[in-house]
Amino acid sequence: MTESKSQTDKFKEAAREAECDEDEARWDERLKKVAKAKPGKAE
């Protein structure tokens, strides 16, 4: 018998394989390394 995984379980498994974590502080730190916006004039 084949066991079927829910979409949520598949997503969690993929996130683990990609070495993701749920730490918001780490997310902010990594995001700042990738997205460095230069301040500009407001329109």
PDB file of N, CA and C in Angstrom:
ATOM      1  N   MET A   1       0.843  -1.187   0.000  1.00  0.00           N
ATOM      2  CA  MET A   1       0.000   0.000   0.000  1.00  0.00           C
ATOM      3  C   MET A   1       0.890   1.254   0.000  1.00  0.00           C
ATOM      4  N   THR A   2       0.631   2.176  -0.896  1.00  0.00           N
ATOM      5  CA  THR A   2       1.394   3.411  -1.011  1.00  0.00           C
ATOM      6  C   THR A   2       0.796   4.473  -0.103  1.00  0.00           C
ATOM      7  N   GLU A   3       1.644   5.102   0.681  1.00  0.00           N
ATOM      8  CA  GLU A   3       1.172   6.141   1.588  1.00  0.00           C
ATOM      9  C   GLU A   3       1.306   7.492   0.891  1.00  0.00           C
ATOM     10  N   SER A   4       0.267   8.264   0.864  1.00  0.00           N
ATOM     11  CA  SER A   4       0.267   9.557   0.198  1.00  0.00           C
ATOM     12  C   SER A   4       0.507  10.661   1.225  1.00  0.00           C
ATOM     13  N   LYS A   5       1.389  11.594   0.895  1.00  0.00           N
ATOM     14  CA  LYS A   5       1.690  12.707   1.800  1.00  0.00           C
ATOM     15  C   LYS A   5       0.845  13.908   1.415  1.00  0.00           C
ATOM     16  N   SER A   6       0.466  14.685   2.414  1.00  0.00           N
ATOM     17  CA  SER A   6      -0.287  15.899   2.138  1.00  0.00           C
ATOM     18  C   SER A   6       0.665  16.945   1.560  1.00  0.00           C
ATOM     19  N   GLN A   7       0.106  17.961   0.958  1.00  0.00           N
ATOM     20  CA  GLN A   7       0.917  19.035   0.378  1.00  0.00           C
ATOM     21  C   GLN A   7       1.755  19.701   1.470  1.00  0.00           C
ATOM     22  N   THR A   8       1.195  19.843   2.655  1.00  0.00           N
ATOM     23  CA  THR A   8       1.925  20.440   3.775  1.00  0.00           C
ATOM     24  C   THR A   8       3.140  19.606   4.138  1.00  0.00           C
ATOM     25  N   ASP A   9       2.967  18.280   4.212  1.00  0.00           N
ATOM     26  CA  ASP A   9       4.085  17.399   4.543  1.00  0.00           C
ATOM     27  C   ASP A   9       5.170  17.468   3.469  1.00  0.00           C
ATOM     28  N   LYS A  10       4.761  17.535   2.202  1.00  0.00           N
ATOM     29  CA  LYS A  10       5.728  17.638   1.108  1.00  0.00           C
ATOM     30  C   LYS A  10       6.509  18.946   1.214  1.00  0.00           C
ATOM     31  N   PHE A  11       5.808  20.034   1.545  1.00  0.00           N
ATOM     32  CA  PHE A  11       6.460  21.342   1.687  1.00  0.00           C
ATOM     33  C   PHE A  11       7.464  21.325   2.832  1.00  0.00           C
ATOM     34  N   LYS A  12       7.067  20.769   3.972  1.00  0.00           N
ATOM     35  CA  LYS A  12       7.964  20.702   5.128  1.00  0.00           C
ATOM     36  C   LYS A  12       9.202  19.872   4.814  1.00  0.00           C
ATOM     37  N   GLU A  13       9.017  18.765   4.110  1.00  0.00           N
ATOM     38  CA  GLU A  13      10.145  17.917   3.737  1.00  0.00           C
ATOM     39  C   GLU A  13      11.092  18.667   2.794  1.00  0.00           C
ATOM     40  N   ALA A  14      10.542  19.379   1.820  1.00  0.00           N
ATOM     41  CA  ALA A  14      11.366  20.153   0.886  1.00  0.00           C
ATOM     42  C   ALA A  14      12.120  21.258   1.621  1.00  0.00           C
ATOM     43  N   ALA A  15      11.481  21.898   2.590  1.00  0.00           N
ATOM     44  CA  ALA A  15      12.124  22.958   3.360  1.00  0.00           C
ATOM     45  C   ALA A  15      13.283  22.397   4.181  1.00  0.00           C
ATOM     46  N   ARG A  16      13.099  21.215   4.762  1.00  0.00           N
ATOM     47  CA  ARG A  16      14.179  20.584   5.522  1.00  0.00           C
ATOM     48  C   ARG A  16      15.352  20.242   4.615  1.00  0.00           C
ATOM     49  N   GLU A  17      15.058  19.728   3.433  1.00  0.00           N
ATOM     50  CA  GLU A  17      16.111  19.371   2.486  1.00  0.00           C
ATOM     51  C   GLU A  17      16.883  20.605   2.030  1.00  0.00           C
ATOM     52  N   ALA A  18      16.212  21.751   1.969  1.00  0.00           N
ATOM     53  CA  ALA A  18      16.852  23.004   1.565  1.00  0.00           C
ATOM     54  C   ALA A  18      17.519  23.698   2.753  1.00  0.00           C
ATOM     55  N   GLU A  19      17.507  23.049   3.912  1.00  0.00           N
ATOM     56  CA  GLU A  19      18.104  23.571   5.141  1.00  0.00           C
ATOM     57  C   GLU A  19      17.515  24.910   5.556  1.00  0.00           C
ATOM     58  N   CYS A  20      16.197  25.034   5.433  1.00  0.00           N
ATOM     59  CA  CYS A  20      15.495  26.245   5.858  1.00  0.00           C
ATOM     60  C   CYS A  20      15.235  26.180   7.357  1.00  0.00           C
ATOM     61  N   ASP A  21      15.059  27.319   7.968  1.00  0.00           N
ATOM     62  CA  ASP A  21      14.660  27.346   9.369  1.00  0.00           C
ATOM     63  C   ASP A  21      13.621  28.436   9.576  1.00  0.00           C
ATOM     64  N   GLU A  22      13.020  28.458  10.743  1.00  0.00           N
ATOM     65  CA  GLU A  22      11.932  29.385  11.022  1.00  0.00           C
ATOM     66  C   GLU A  22      12.371  30.573  11.879  1.00  0.00           C
ATOM     67  N   ASP A  23      13.650  30.773  12.059  1.00  0.00           N
ATOM     68  CA  ASP A  23      14.151  31.848  12.900  1.00  0.00           C
ATOM     69  C   ASP A  23      14.051  33.184  12.149  1.00  0.00           C
ATOM     70  N   GLU A  24      13.199  34.089  12.640  1.00  0.00           N
ATOM     71  CA  GLU A  24      12.967  35.361  11.958  1.00  0.00           C
ATOM     72  C   GLU A  24      14.218  36.233  11.920  1.00  0.00           C
ATOM     73  N   ALA A  25      15.011  36.214  12.987  1.00  0.00           N
ATOM     74  CA  ALA A  25      16.232  37.012  13.032  1.00  0.00           C
ATOM     75  C   ALA A  25      17.228  36.548  11.956  1.00  0.00           C
ATOM     76  N   ARG A  26      17.363  35.253  11.781  1.00  0.00           N
ATOM     77  CA  ARG A  26      18.252  34.721  10.741  1.00  0.00           C
ATOM     78  C   ARG A  26      17.741  35.108   9.360  1.00  0.00           C
ATOM     79  N   TRP A  27      16.416  35.084   9.181  1.00  0.00           N
ATOM     80  CA  TRP A  27      15.812  35.474   7.907  1.00  0.00           C
ATOM     81  C   TRP A  27      16.172  36.923   7.590  1.00  0.00           C
ATOM     82  N   ASP A  28      15.987  37.823   8.569  1.00  0.00           N
ATOM     83  CA  ASP A  28      16.299  39.236   8.362  1.00  0.00           C
ATOM     84  C   ASP A  28      17.776  39.428   8.013  1.00  0.00           C
ATOM     85  N   GLU A  29      18.654  38.722   8.712  1.00  0.00           N
ATOM     86  CA  GLU A  29      20.087  38.825   8.460  1.00  0.00           C
ATOM     87  C   GLU A  29      20.429  38.388   7.031  1.00  0.00           C
ATOM     88  N   ARG A  30      19.870  37.282   6.615  1.00  0.00           N
ATOM     89  CA  ARG A  30      20.140  36.775   5.260  1.00  0.00           C
ATOM     90  C   ARG A  30      19.525  37.667   4.202  1.00  0.00           C
ATOM     91  N   LEU A  31      18.342  38.202   4.466  1.00  0.00           N
ATOM     92  CA  LEU A  31      17.670  39.077   3.518  1.00  0.00           C
ATOM     93  C   LEU A  31      18.481  40.344   3.293  1.00  0.00           C
ATOM     94  N   LYS A  32      19.055  40.892   4.355  1.00  0.00           N
ATOM     95  CA  LYS A  32      19.855  42.107   4.237  1.00  0.00           C
ATOM     96  C   LYS A  32      21.092  41.888   3.363  1.00  0.00           C
ATOM     97  N   LYS A  33      21.632  40.676   3.370  1.00  0.00           N
ATOM     98  CA  LYS A  33      22.791  40.375   2.532  1.00  0.00           C
ATOM     99  C   LYS A  33      22.409  40.348   1.053  1.00  0.00           C
ATOM    100  N   VAL A  34      21.185  39.928   0.771  1.00  0.00           N
ATOM    101  CA  VAL A  34      20.745  39.763  -0.614  1.00  0.00           C
ATOM    102  C   VAL A  34      20.146  41.048  -1.175  1.00  0.00           C
ATOM    103  N   ALA A  35      19.308  41.697  -0.409  1.00  0.00           N
ATOM    104  CA  ALA A  35      18.569  42.866  -0.891  1.00  0.00           C
ATOM    105  C   ALA A  35      19.068  44.128  -0.214  1.00  0.00           C
ATOM    106  N   LYS A  36      20.018  44.770  -0.837  1.00  0.00           N
ATOM    107  CA  LYS A  36      20.530  46.026  -0.298  1.00  0.00           C
ATOM    108  C   LYS A  36      19.999  47.159  -1.162  1.00  0.00           C
ATOM    109  N   ALA A  37      18.951  47.816  -0.681  1.00  0.00           N
ATOM    110  CA  ALA A  37      18.333  48.897  -1.427  1.00  0.00           C
ATOM    111  C   ALA A  37      19.031  50.215  -1.108  1.00  0.00           C
ATOM    112  N   LYS A  38      19.295  50.965  -2.142  1.00  0.00           N
ATOM    113  CA  LYS A  38      19.900  52.286  -1.947  1.00  0.00           C
ATOM    114  C   LYS A  38      18.770  53.283  -1.699  1.00  0.00           C
ATOM    115  N   PRO A  39      18.961  54.177  -0.728  1.00  0.00           N
ATOM    116  CA  PRO A  39      17.924  55.169  -0.461  1.00  0.00           C
ATOM    117  C   PRO A  39      17.774  56.093  -1.658  1.00  0.00           C
ATOM    118  N   GLY A  40      16.547  56.383  -2.005  1.00  0.00           N
ATOM    119  CA  GLY A  40      16.274  57.275  -3.142  1.00  0.00           C
ATOM    120  C   GLY A  40      15.275  58.335  -2.749  1.00  0.00           C
ATOM    121  N   LYS A  41      15.027  59.195  -3.685  1.00  0.00           N
ATOM    122  CA  LYS A  41      14.059  60.264  -3.423  1.00  0.00           C
ATOM    123  C   LYS A  41      12.652  59.717  -3.537  1.00  0.00           C
ATOM    124  N   ALA A  42      11.802  60.125  -2.627  1.00  0.00           N
ATOM    125  CA  ALA A  42      10.403  59.723  -2.665  1.00  0.00           C
ATOM    126  C   ALA A  42       9.695  60.499  -3.765  1.00  0.00           C
ATOM    127  N   GLU A  43       8.826  59.813  -4.465  1.00  0.00           N
ATOM    128  CA  GLU A  43       8.088  60.490  -5.548  1.00  0.00           C
ATOM    129  C   GLU A  43       6.786  61.024  -5.070  1.00  0.00           C
TER     130      GLU A  43
END
